[in-house]
Amino acid sequence: MEKCIGCLAPFQNTGFFSTKEELADHTYVCNSCGEQARKALANMYISTTIFSSCTAFQVRELLRNSDETKPQEQSASGILDMIERFGKLKESGILTHEEFTEQKQKLLDKL
């Protein structure tokens, strides 16, 4: 039986309506974990349209770091923390170099 790569819960067969979403590497995520990962992306001011191209590893990283990616106070230290988190997402392959650079510049402009 297939399981969600986020919460490891088995998927229920609900007929026509799907309770899972396929990722780029042909693994699946439940609706709840998918929503949580999209919120993590949105909290980092990244378009959620890239979600469908994420792999299981990338979604797990988003879920693991979702508490860390809540919108922060826009102080200098908060901005530097966000840049560091974006760097980690770039290293793990969730963000491209261009996306990282764009987000970094947006944050630096706020200083």
PDB file of N, CA and C in Angstrom:
ATOM      1  N   MET A   1       0.841  -1.177   0.000  1.00  0.00           N
ATOM      2  CA  MET A   1       0.000   0.000   0.000  1.00  0.00           C
ATOM      3  C   MET A   1       0.892   1.247   0.000  1.00  0.00           C
ATOM      4  N   GLU A   2       0.548   2.223  -0.835  1.00  0.00           N
ATOM      5  CA  GLU A   2       1.319   3.459  -0.912  1.00  0.00           C
ATOM      6  C   GLU A   2       1.116   4.298   0.342  1.00  0.00           C
ATOM      7  N   LYS A   3       2.175   5.027   0.698  1.00  0.00           N
ATOM      8  CA  LYS A   3       2.123   5.899   1.863  1.00  0.00           C
ATOM      9  C   LYS A   3       2.583   7.295   1.473  1.00  0.00           C
ATOM     10  N   CYS A   4       2.113   8.285   2.223  1.00  0.00           N
ATOM     11  CA  CYS A   4       2.539   9.669   2.042  1.00  0.00           C
ATOM     12  C   CYS A   4       4.012   9.776   2.428  1.00  0.00           C
ATOM     13  N   ILE A   5       4.810  10.476   1.621  1.00  0.00           N
ATOM     14  CA  ILE A   5       6.231  10.621   1.927  1.00  0.00           C
ATOM     15  C   ILE A   5       6.455  11.600   3.075  1.00  0.00           C
ATOM     16  N   GLY A   6       5.416  12.359   3.434  1.00  0.00           N
ATOM     17  CA  GLY A   6       5.541  13.322   4.524  1.00  0.00           C
ATOM     18  C   GLY A   6       5.215  12.722   5.876  1.00  0.00           C
ATOM     19  N   CYS A   7       3.981  12.244   6.018  1.00  0.00           N
ATOM     20  CA  CYS A   7       3.521  11.736   7.320  1.00  0.00           C
ATOM     21  C   CYS A   7       3.520  10.217   7.396  1.00  0.00           C
ATOM     22  N   LEU A   8       3.793   9.554   6.283  1.00  0.00           N
ATOM     23  CA  LEU A   8       3.862   8.089   6.174  1.00  0.00           C
ATOM     24  C   LEU A   8       2.518   7.396   6.402  1.00  0.00           C
ATOM     25  N   ALA A   9       1.430   8.154   6.340  1.00  0.00           N
ATOM     26  CA  ALA A   9       0.101   7.558   6.475  1.00  0.00           C
ATOM     27  C   ALA A   9      -0.268   6.848   5.171  1.00  0.00           C
ATOM     28  N   PRO A  10      -0.896   5.681   5.269  1.00  0.00           N
ATOM     29  CA  PRO A  10      -1.321   4.991   4.040  1.00  0.00           C
ATOM     30  C   PRO A  10      -2.470   5.753   3.382  1.00  0.00           C
ATOM     31  N   PHE A  11      -2.507   5.697   2.067  1.00  0.00           N
ATOM     32  CA  PHE A  11      -3.575   6.365   1.328  1.00  0.00           C
ATOM     33  C   PHE A  11      -4.828   5.496   1.314  1.00  0.00           C
ATOM     34  N   GLN A  12      -5.963   6.147   1.443  1.00  0.00           N
ATOM     35  CA  GLN A  12      -7.253   5.465   1.373  1.00  0.00           C
ATOM     36  C   GLN A  12      -7.780   5.587  -0.053  1.00  0.00           C
ATOM     37  N   ASN A  13      -8.407   4.548  -0.545  1.00  0.00           N
ATOM     38  CA  ASN A  13      -9.023   4.604  -1.860  1.00  0.00           C
ATOM     39  C   ASN A  13     -10.380   5.280  -1.715  1.00  0.00           C
ATOM     40  N   THR A  14     -10.481   6.493  -2.259  1.00  0.00           N
ATOM     41  CA  THR A  14     -11.724   7.247  -2.138  1.00  0.00           C
ATOM     42  C   THR A  14     -12.433   7.391  -3.479  1.00  0.00           C
ATOM     43  N   GLY A  15     -12.123   6.534  -4.407  1.00  0.00           N
ATOM     44  CA  GLY A  15     -12.792   6.581  -5.707  1.00  0.00           C
ATOM     45  C   GLY A  15     -12.233   7.674  -6.583  1.00  0.00           C
ATOM     46  N   PHE A  16     -13.132   8.467  -7.151  1.00  0.00           N
ATOM     47  CA  PHE A  16     -12.754   9.483  -8.124  1.00  0.00           C
ATOM     48  C   PHE A  16     -11.895  10.593  -7.504  1.00  0.00           C
ATOM     49  N   PHE A  17     -12.196  10.994  -6.274  1.00  0.00           N
ATOM     50  CA  PHE A  17     -11.488  12.099  -5.645  1.00  0.00           C
ATOM     51  C   PHE A  17     -10.193  11.606  -5.010  1.00  0.00           C
ATOM     52  N   SER A  18      -9.113  12.265  -5.335  1.00  0.00           N
ATOM     53  CA  SER A  18      -7.803  11.838  -4.861  1.00  0.00           C
ATOM     54  C   SER A  18      -7.454  12.500  -3.530  1.00  0.00           C
ATOM     55  N   THR A  19      -6.854  11.737  -2.643  1.00  0.00           N
ATOM     56  CA  THR A  19      -6.358  12.283  -1.384  1.00  0.00           C
ATOM     57  C   THR A  19      -4.844  12.388  -1.431  1.00  0.00           C
ATOM     58  N   LYS A  20      -4.280  12.239  -2.626  1.00  0.00           N
ATOM     59  CA  LYS A  20      -2.828  12.297  -2.770  1.00  0.00           C
ATOM     60  C   LYS A  20      -2.467  13.074  -4.025  1.00  0.00           C
ATOM     61  N   GLU A  21      -1.231  13.522  -4.042  1.00  0.00           N
ATOM     62  CA  GLU A  21      -0.721  14.276  -5.173  1.00  0.00           C
ATOM     63  C   GLU A  21       0.628  13.702  -5.570  1.00  0.00           C
ATOM     64  N   GLU A  22       0.810  13.487  -6.859  1.00  0.00           N
ATOM     65  CA  GLU A  22       2.068  12.912  -7.338  1.00  0.00           C
ATOM     66  C   GLU A  22       3.129  13.989  -7.455  1.00  0.00           C
ATOM     67  N   LEU A  23       4.336  13.658  -7.023  1.00  0.00           N
ATOM     68  CA  LEU A  23       5.468  14.572  -7.113  1.00  0.00           C
ATOM     69  C   LEU A  23       6.294  14.248  -8.350  1.00  0.00           C
ATOM     70  N   ALA A  24       7.306  15.052  -8.598  1.00  0.00           N
ATOM     71  CA  ALA A  24       8.122  14.914  -9.805  1.00  0.00           C
ATOM     72  C   ALA A  24       8.816  13.561  -9.907  1.00  0.00           C
ATOM     73  N   ASP A  25       9.135  12.944  -8.771  1.00  0.00           N
ATOM     74  CA  ASP A  25       9.829  11.659  -8.799  1.00  0.00           C
ATOM     75  C   ASP A  25       8.876  10.468  -8.648  1.00  0.00           C
ATOM     76  N   HIS A  26       7.605  10.690  -8.935  1.00  0.00           N
ATOM     77  CA  HIS A  26       6.555   9.655  -8.927  1.00  0.00           C
ATOM     78  C   HIS A  26       6.316   9.074  -7.545  1.00  0.00           C
ATOM     79  N   THR A  27       6.562   9.864  -6.526  1.00  0.00           N
ATOM     80  CA  THR A  27       6.158   9.521  -5.172  1.00  0.00           C
ATOM     81  C   THR A  27       4.918  10.361  -4.869  1.00  0.00           C
ATOM     82  N   TYR A  28       4.302  10.116  -3.726  1.00  0.00           N
ATOM     83  CA  TYR A  28       3.043  10.793  -3.435  1.00  0.00           C
ATOM     84  C   TYR A  28       3.062  11.470  -2.079  1.00  0.00           C
ATOM     85  N   VAL A  29       2.288  12.534  -1.994  1.00  0.00           N
ATOM     86  CA  VAL A  29       2.132  13.277  -0.750  1.00  0.00           C
ATOM     87  C   VAL A  29       0.625  13.446  -0.512  1.00  0.00           C
ATOM     88  N   CYS A  30       0.200  13.348   0.770  1.00  0.00           N
ATOM     89  CA  CYS A  30      -1.222  13.527   1.080  1.00  0.00           C
ATOM     90  C   CYS A  30      -1.589  15.007   0.972  1.00  0.00           C
ATOM     91  N   ASN A  31      -2.874  15.282   0.912  1.00  0.00           N
ATOM     92  CA  ASN A  31      -3.329  16.667   0.777  1.00  0.00           C
ATOM     93  C   ASN A  31      -2.841  17.534   1.927  1.00  0.00           C
ATOM     94  N   SER A  32      -2.862  17.004   3.130  1.00  0.00           N
ATOM     95  CA  SER A  32      -2.449  17.772   4.302  1.00  0.00           C
ATOM     96  C   SER A  32      -0.972  18.143   4.238  1.00  0.00           C
ATOM     97  N   CYS A  33      -0.121  17.184   3.922  1.00  0.00           N
ATOM     98  CA  CYS A  33       1.317  17.460   3.825  1.00  0.00           C
ATOM     99  C   CYS A  33       1.610  18.370   2.635  1.00  0.00           C
ATOM    100  N   GLY A  34       0.903  18.180   1.540  1.00  0.00           N
ATOM    101  CA  GLY A  34       1.076  19.047   0.380  1.00  0.00           C
ATOM    102  C   GLY A  34       0.726  20.490   0.706  1.00  0.00           C
ATOM    103  N   GLU A  35      -0.356  20.671   1.444  1.00  0.00           N
ATOM    104  CA  GLU A  35      -0.770  22.020   1.847  1.00  0.00           C
ATOM    105  C   GLU A  35       0.269  22.650   2.777  1.00  0.00           C
ATOM    106  N   GLN A  36       0.780  21.860   3.711  1.00  0.00           N
ATOM    107  CA  GLN A  36       1.793  22.361   4.647  1.00  0.00           C
ATOM    108  C   GLN A  36       3.068  22.762   3.898  1.00  0.00           C
ATOM    109  N   ALA A  37       3.486  21.971   2.917  1.00  0.00           N
ATOM    110  CA  ALA A  37       4.680  22.296   2.134  1.00  0.00           C
ATOM    111  C   ALA A  37       4.464  23.559   1.302  1.00  0.00           C
ATOM    112  N   ARG A  38       3.272  23.717   0.738  1.00  0.00           N
ATOM    113  CA  ARG A  38       2.963  24.935  -0.028  1.00  0.00           C
ATOM    114  C   ARG A  38       2.980  26.166   0.876  1.00  0.00           C
ATOM    115  N   LYS A  39       2.466  26.024   2.099  1.00  0.00           N
ATOM    116  CA  LYS A  39       2.500  27.149   3.047  1.00  0.00           C
ATOM    117  C   LYS A  39       3.935  27.526   3.378  1.00  0.00           C
ATOM    118  N   ALA A  40       4.791  26.528   3.517  1.00  0.00           N
ATOM    119  CA  ALA A  40       6.209  26.805   3.794  1.00  0.00           C
ATOM    120  C   ALA A  40       6.821  27.602   2.646  1.00  0.00           C
ATOM    121  N   LEU A  41       6.504  27.225   1.410  1.00  0.00           N
ATOM    122  CA  LEU A  41       7.003  27.976   0.255  1.00  0.00           C
ATOM    123  C   LEU A  41       6.464  29.399   0.265  1.00  0.00           C
ATOM    124  N   ALA A  42       5.169  29.547   0.510  1.00  0.00           N
ATOM    125  CA  ALA A  42       4.544  30.874   0.520  1.00  0.00           C
ATOM    126  C   ALA A  42       5.128  31.752   1.624  1.00  0.00           C
ATOM    127  N   ASN A  43       5.400  31.158   2.776  1.00  0.00           N
ATOM    128  CA  ASN A  43       5.987  31.922   3.881  1.00  0.00           C
ATOM    129  C   ASN A  43       7.380  32.424   3.558  1.00  0.00           C
ATOM    130  N   MET A  44       8.028  31.770   2.601  1.00  0.00           N
ATOM    131  CA  MET A  44       9.354  32.197   2.167  1.00  0.00           C
ATOM    132  C   MET A  44       9.248  33.096   0.941  1.00  0.00           C
ATOM    133  N   TYR A  45       8.020  33.480   0.604  1.00  0.00           N
ATOM    134  CA  TYR A  45       7.760  34.353  -0.545  1.00  0.00           C
ATOM    135  C   TYR A  45       8.216  33.730  -1.853  1.00  0.00           C
ATOM    136  N   ILE A  46       8.016  32.425  -1.965  1.00  0.00           N
ATOM    137  CA  ILE A  46       8.364  31.684  -3.174  1.00  0.00           C
ATOM    138  C   ILE A  46       7.065  31.193  -3.792  1.00  0.00           C
ATOM    139  N   SER A  47       6.955  31.280  -5.091  1.00  0.00           N
ATOM    140  CA  SER A  47       5.755  30.835  -5.783  1.00  0.00           C
ATOM    141  C   SER A  47       5.487  29.356  -5.515  1.00  0.00           C
ATOM    142  N   THR A  48       4.246  29.041  -5.179  1.00  0.00           N
ATOM    143  CA  THR A  48       3.887  27.652  -4.907  1.00  0.00           C
ATOM    144  C   THR A  48       3.718  26.848  -6.192  1.00  0.00           C
ATOM    145  N   THR A  49       3.827  27.492  -7.344  1.00  0.00           N
ATOM    146  CA  THR A  49       3.690  26.761  -8.600  1.00  0.00           C
ATOM    147  C   THR A  49       4.852  25.796  -8.823  1.00  0.00           C
ATOM    148  N   ILE A  50       5.968  25.990  -8.124  1.00  0.00           N
ATOM    149  CA  ILE A  50       7.103  25.069  -8.280  1.00  0.00           C
ATOM    150  C   ILE A  50       6.876  23.764  -7.542  1.00  0.00           C
ATOM    151  N   PHE A  51       5.811  23.679  -6.721  1.00  0.00           N
ATOM    152  CA  PHE A  51       5.579  22.492  -5.904  1.00  0.00           C
ATOM    153  C   PHE A  51       5.488  21.228  -6.749  1.00  0.00           C
ATOM    154  N   SER A  52       4.831  21.289  -7.880  1.00  0.00           N
ATOM    155  CA  SER A  52       4.651  20.096  -8.705  1.00  0.00           C
ATOM    156  C   SER A  52       5.966  19.559  -9.264  1.00  0.00           C
ATOM    157  N   SER A  53       6.995  20.374  -9.265  1.00  0.00           N
ATOM    158  CA  SER A  53       8.298  19.898  -9.749  1.00  0.00           C
ATOM    159  C   SER A  53       9.218  19.462  -8.609  1.00  0.00           C
ATOM    160  N   CYS A  54       8.713  19.465  -7.378  1.00  0.00           N
ATOM    161  CA  CYS A  54       9.506  19.036  -6.224  1.00  0.00           C
ATOM    162  C   CYS A  54       9.593  17.511  -6.155  1.00  0.00           C
ATOM    163  N   THR A  55      10.665  17.025  -5.561  1.00  0.00           N
ATOM    164  CA  THR A  55      10.842  15.590  -5.329  1.00  0.00           C
ATOM    165  C   THR A  55      10.473  15.274  -3.879  1.00  0.00           C
ATOM    166  N   ALA A  56      10.447  13.999  -3.556  1.00  0.00           N
ATOM    167  CA  ALA A  56      10.127  13.578  -2.190  1.00  0.00           C
ATOM    168  C   ALA A  56      11.118  14.191  -1.202  1.00  0.00           C
ATOM    169  N   PHE A  57      12.398  14.181  -1.535  1.00  0.00           N
ATOM    170  CA  PHE A  57      13.411  14.750  -0.652  1.00  0.00           C
ATOM    171  C   PHE A  57      13.135  16.228  -0.387  1.00  0.00           C
ATOM    172  N   GLN A  58      12.826  16.969  -1.442  1.00  0.00           N
ATOM    173  CA  GLN A  58      12.585  18.394  -1.298  1.00  0.00           C
ATOM    174  C   GLN A  58      11.345  18.675  -0.450  1.00  0.00           C
ATOM    175  N   VAL A  59      10.288  17.898  -0.649  1.00  0.00           N
ATOM    176  CA  VAL A  59       9.079  18.092   0.143  1.00  0.00           C
ATOM    177  C   VAL A  59       9.345  17.744   1.602  1.00  0.00           C
ATOM    178  N   ARG A  60      10.096  16.690   1.851  1.00  0.00           N
ATOM    179  CA  ARG A  60      10.448  16.351   3.237  1.00  0.00           C
ATOM    180  C   ARG A  60      11.231  17.484   3.894  1.00  0.00           C
ATOM    181  N   GLU A  61      12.146  18.091   3.149  1.00  0.00           N
ATOM    182  CA  GLU A  61      12.907  19.224   3.681  1.00  0.00           C
ATOM    183  C   GLU A  61      11.986  20.399   3.984  1.00  0.00           C
ATOM    184  N   LEU A  62      11.042  20.677   3.099  1.00  0.00           N
ATOM    185  CA  LEU A  62      10.085  21.760   3.351  1.00  0.00           C
ATOM    186  C   LEU A  62       9.266  21.474   4.607  1.00  0.00           C
ATOM    187  N   LEU A  63       8.803  20.234   4.743  1.00  0.00           N
ATOM    188  CA  LEU A  63       8.007  19.872   5.914  1.00  0.00           C
ATOM    189  C   LEU A  63       8.851  19.922   7.183  1.00  0.00           C
ATOM    190  N   ARG A  64      10.064  19.456   7.092  1.00  0.00           N
ATOM    191  CA  ARG A  64      10.954  19.457   8.256  1.00  0.00           C
ATOM    192  C   ARG A  64      11.252  20.880   8.708  1.00  0.00           C
ATOM    193  N   ASN A  65      11.398  21.777   7.753  1.00  0.00           N
ATOM    194  CA  ASN A  65      11.744  23.161   8.060  1.00  0.00           C
ATOM    195  C   ASN A  65      10.537  24.084   8.132  1.00  0.00           C
ATOM    196  N   SER A  66       9.329  23.542   8.040  1.00  0.00           N
ATOM    197  CA  SER A  66       8.147  24.402   7.949  1.00  0.00           C
ATOM    198  C   SER A  66       7.981  25.289   9.177  1.00  0.00           C
ATOM    199  N   ASP A  67       8.345  24.819  10.358  1.00  0.00           N
ATOM    200  CA  ASP A  67       8.256  25.671  11.540  1.00  0.00           C
ATOM    201  C   ASP A  67       9.261  26.805  11.479  1.00  0.00           C
ATOM    202  N   GLU A  68      10.385  26.558  10.832  1.00  0.00           N
ATOM    203  CA  GLU A  68      11.427  27.577  10.720  1.00  0.00           C
ATOM    204  C   GLU A  68      11.108  28.613   9.655  1.00  0.00           C
ATOM    205  N   THR A  69      10.145  28.338   8.785  1.00  0.00           N
ATOM    206  CA  THR A  69       9.892  29.226   7.656  1.00  0.00           C
ATOM    207  C   THR A  69       8.669  30.104   7.849  1.00  0.00           C
ATOM    208  N   LYS A  70       8.181  30.215   9.072  1.00  0.00           N
ATOM    209  CA  LYS A  70       7.078  31.127   9.329  1.00  0.00           C
ATOM    210  C   LYS A  70       7.578  32.548   9.127  1.00  0.00           C
ATOM    211  N   PRO A  71       6.687  33.447   8.662  1.00  0.00           N
ATOM    212  CA  PRO A  71       7.139  34.819   8.446  1.00  0.00           C
ATOM    213  C   PRO A  71       7.783  35.389   9.711  1.00  0.00           C
ATOM    214  N   GLN A  72       8.900  36.028   9.530  1.00  0.00           N
ATOM    215  CA  GLN A  72       9.638  36.567  10.658  1.00  0.00           C
ATOM    216  C   GLN A  72       9.557  38.074  10.683  1.00  0.00           C
ATOM    217  N   GLU A  73       9.872  38.605  11.844  1.00  0.00           N
ATOM    218  CA  GLU A  73      10.004  40.043  11.988  1.00  0.00           C
ATOM    219  C   GLU A  73      11.074  40.504  11.003  1.00  0.00           C
ATOM    220  N   GLN A  74      10.848  41.620  10.356  1.00  0.00           N
ATOM    221  CA  GLN A  74      11.763  42.078   9.323  1.00  0.00           C
ATOM    222  C   GLN A  74      12.911  42.906   9.897  1.00  0.00           C
ATOM    223  N   SER A  75      13.520  42.444  10.973  1.00  0.00           N
ATOM    224  CA  SER A  75      14.706  43.086  11.517  1.00  0.00           C
ATOM    225  C   SER A  75      15.905  42.634  10.696  1.00  0.00           C
ATOM    226  N   ALA A  76      17.023  43.292  10.919  1.00  0.00           N
ATOM    227  CA  ALA A  76      18.237  42.914  10.179  1.00  0.00           C
ATOM    228  C   ALA A  76      18.601  41.462  10.444  1.00  0.00           C
ATOM    229  N   SER A  77      18.513  41.028  11.711  1.00  0.00           N
ATOM    230  CA  SER A  77      18.871  39.639  12.010  1.00  0.00           C
ATOM    231  C   SER A  77      17.854  38.674  11.408  1.00  0.00           C
ATOM    232  N   GLY A  78      16.561  39.061  11.370  1.00  0.00           N
ATOM    233  CA  GLY A  78      15.535  38.221  10.757  1.00  0.00           C
ATOM    234  C   GLY A  78      15.760  38.073   9.264  1.00  0.00           C
ATOM    235  N   ILE A  79      16.175  39.165   8.632  1.00  0.00           N
ATOM    236  CA  ILE A  79      16.445  39.136   7.190  1.00  0.00           C
ATOM    237  C   ILE A  79      17.659  38.255   6.898  1.00  0.00           C
ATOM    238  N   LEU A  80      18.693  38.387   7.712  1.00  0.00           N
ATOM    239  CA  LEU A  80      19.881  37.550   7.506  1.00  0.00           C
ATOM    240  C   LEU A  80      19.562  36.077   7.741  1.00  0.00           C
ATOM    241  N   ASP A  81      18.696  35.782   8.719  1.00  0.00           N
ATOM    242  CA  ASP A  81      18.262  34.402   8.955  1.00  0.00           C
ATOM    243  C   ASP A  81      17.516  33.853   7.741  1.00  0.00           C
ATOM    244  N   MET A  82      16.658  34.680   7.146  1.00  0.00           N
ATOM    245  CA  MET A  82      15.908  34.237   5.959  1.00  0.00           C
ATOM    246  C   MET A  82      16.861  33.957   4.794  1.00  0.00           C
ATOM    247  N   ILE A  83      17.854  34.803   4.614  1.00  0.00           N
ATOM    248  CA  ILE A  83      18.828  34.578   3.538  1.00  0.00           C
ATOM    249  C   ILE A  83      19.560  33.251   3.770  1.00  0.00           C
ATOM    250  N   GLU A  84      19.903  32.987   5.022  1.00  0.00           N
ATOM    251  CA  GLU A  84      20.568  31.719   5.345  1.00  0.00           C
ATOM    252  C   GLU A  84      19.660  30.535   5.027  1.00  0.00           C
ATOM    253  N   ARG A  85      18.381  30.644   5.348  1.00  0.00           N
ATOM    254  CA  ARG A  85      17.435  29.552   5.050  1.00  0.00           C
ATOM    255  C   ARG A  85      17.282  29.360   3.546  1.00  0.00           C
ATOM    256  N   PHE A  86      17.217  30.491   2.809  1.00  0.00           N
ATOM    257  CA  PHE A  86      17.151  30.371   1.358  1.00  0.00           C
ATOM    258  C   PHE A  86      18.393  29.663   0.822  1.00  0.00           C
ATOM    259  N   GLY A  87      19.552  29.948   1.417  1.00  0.00           N
ATOM    260  CA  GLY A  87      20.789  29.283   1.006  1.00  0.00           C
ATOM    261  C   GLY A  87      20.709  27.778   1.214  1.00  0.00           C
ATOM    262  N   LYS A  88      20.131  27.360   2.337  1.00  0.00           N
ATOM    263  CA  LYS A  88      19.971  25.926   2.596  1.00  0.00           C
ATOM    264  C   LYS A  88      19.023  25.293   1.584  1.00  0.00           C
ATOM    265  N   LEU A  89      17.954  26.017   1.226  1.00  0.00           N
ATOM    266  CA  LEU A  89      17.015  25.493   0.227  1.00  0.00           C
ATOM    267  C   LEU A  89      17.672  25.396  -1.142  1.00  0.00           C
ATOM    268  N   LYS A  90      18.551  26.344  -1.449  1.00  0.00           N
ATOM    269  CA  LYS A  90      19.281  26.282  -2.721  1.00  0.00           C
ATOM    270  C   LYS A  90      20.215  25.078  -2.726  1.00  0.00           C
ATOM    271  N   GLU A  91      20.918  24.862  -1.609  1.00  0.00           N
ATOM    272  CA  GLU A  91      21.845  23.726  -1.512  1.00  0.00           C
ATOM    273  C   GLU A  91      21.123  22.388  -1.649  1.00  0.00           C
ATOM    274  N   SER A  92      19.883  22.316  -1.133  1.00  0.00           N
ATOM    275  CA  SER A  92      19.147  21.052  -1.206  1.00  0.00           C
ATOM    276  C   SER A  92      18.410  20.893  -2.536  1.00  0.00           C
ATOM    277  N   GLY A  93      18.476  21.909  -3.398  1.00  0.00           N
ATOM    278  CA  GLY A  93      17.879  21.792  -4.719  1.00  0.00           C
ATOM    279  C   GLY A  93      16.445  22.262  -4.825  1.00  0.00           C
ATOM    280  N   ILE A  94      15.891  22.783  -3.739  1.00  0.00           N
ATOM    281  CA  ILE A  94      14.510  23.268  -3.786  1.00  0.00           C
ATOM    282  C   ILE A  94      14.436  24.572  -4.568  1.00  0.00           C
ATOM    283  N   LEU A  95      15.441  25.427  -4.392  1.00  0.00           N
ATOM    284  CA  LEU A  95      15.509  26.689  -5.128  1.00  0.00           C
ATOM    285  C   LEU A  95      16.641  26.631  -6.150  1.00  0.00           C
ATOM    286  N   THR A  96      16.424  27.262  -7.281  1.00  0.00           N
ATOM    287  CA  THR A  96      17.503  27.409  -8.255  1.00  0.00           C
ATOM    288  C   THR A  96      18.385  28.568  -7.816  1.00  0.00           C
ATOM    289  N   HIS A  97      19.530  28.700  -8.449  1.00  0.00           N
ATOM    290  CA  HIS A  97      20.428  29.817  -8.150  1.00  0.00           C
ATOM    291  C   HIS A  97      19.722  31.147  -8.420  1.00  0.00           C
ATOM    292  N   GLU A  98      18.971  31.210  -9.514  1.00  0.00           N
ATOM    293  CA  GLU A  98      18.269  32.444  -9.876  1.00  0.00           C
ATOM    294  C   GLU A  98      17.193  32.793  -8.845  1.00  0.00           C
ATOM    295  N   GLU A  99      16.432  31.794  -8.396  1.00  0.00           N
ATOM    296  CA  GLU A  99      15.402  32.044  -7.389  1.00  0.00           C
ATOM    297  C   GLU A  99      16.028  32.517  -6.078  1.00  0.00           C
ATOM    298  N   PHE A 100      17.138  31.884  -5.697  1.00  0.00           N
ATOM    299  CA  PHE A 100      17.843  32.287  -4.488  1.00  0.00           C
ATOM    300  C   PHE A 100      18.305  33.731  -4.597  1.00  0.00           C
ATOM    301  N   THR A 101      18.936  34.075  -5.706  1.00  0.00           N
ATOM    302  CA  THR A 101      19.457  35.426  -5.900  1.00  0.00           C
ATOM    303  C   THR A 101      18.342  36.455  -5.864  1.00  0.00           C
ATOM    304  N   GLU A 102      17.222  36.140  -6.492  1.00  0.00           N
ATOM    305  CA  GLU A 102      16.074  37.057  -6.519  1.00  0.00           C
ATOM    306  C   GLU A 102      15.537  37.299  -5.105  1.00  0.00           C
ATOM    307  N   GLN A 103      15.338  36.216  -4.343  1.00  0.00           N
ATOM    308  CA  GLN A 103      14.815  36.346  -2.984  1.00  0.00           C
ATOM    309  C   GLN A 103      15.816  37.064  -2.076  1.00  0.00           C
ATOM    310  N   LYS A 104      17.082  36.766  -2.245  1.00  0.00           N
ATOM    311  CA  LYS A 104      18.124  37.416  -1.450  1.00  0.00           C
ATOM    312  C   LYS A 104      18.118  38.922  -1.704  1.00  0.00           C
ATOM    313  N   GLN A 105      18.008  39.317  -2.967  1.00  0.00           N
ATOM    314  CA  GLN A 105      18.003  40.748  -3.293  1.00  0.00           C
ATOM    315  C   GLN A 105      16.780  41.449  -2.717  1.00  0.00           C
ATOM    316  N   LYS A 106      15.620  40.790  -2.775  1.00  0.00           N
ATOM    317  CA  LYS A 106      14.401  41.366  -2.179  1.00  0.00           C
ATOM    318  C   LYS A 106      14.595  41.615  -0.696  1.00  0.00           C
ATOM    319  N   LEU A 107      15.216  40.666  -0.020  1.00  0.00           N
ATOM    320  CA  LEU A 107      15.434  40.837   1.428  1.00  0.00           C
ATOM    321  C   LEU A 107      16.475  41.908   1.713  1.00  0.00           C
ATOM    322  N   LEU A 108      17.547  41.934   0.933  1.00  0.00           N
ATOM    323  CA  LEU A 108      18.578  42.955   1.148  1.00  0.00           C
ATOM    324  C   LEU A 108      18.035  44.351   0.896  1.00  0.00           C
ATOM    325  N   ASP A 109      17.102  44.491  -0.031  1.00  0.00           N
ATOM    326  CA  ASP A 109      16.498  45.792  -0.302  1.00  0.00           C
ATOM    327  C   ASP A 109      15.706  46.315   0.895  1.00  0.00           C
ATOM    328  N   LYS A 110      15.295  45.433   1.779  1.00  0.00           N
ATOM    329  CA  LYS A 110      14.536  45.839   2.964  1.00  0.00           C
ATOM    330  C   LYS A 110      15.424  46.371   4.072  1.00  0.00           C
ATOM    331  N   LEU A 111      16.737  46.134   3.975  1.00  0.00           N
ATOM    332  CA  LEU A 111      17.664  46.621   5.011  1.00  0.00           C
ATOM    333  C   LEU A 111      17.886  48.112   4.907  1.00  0.00           C
TER     334      LEU A 111
END
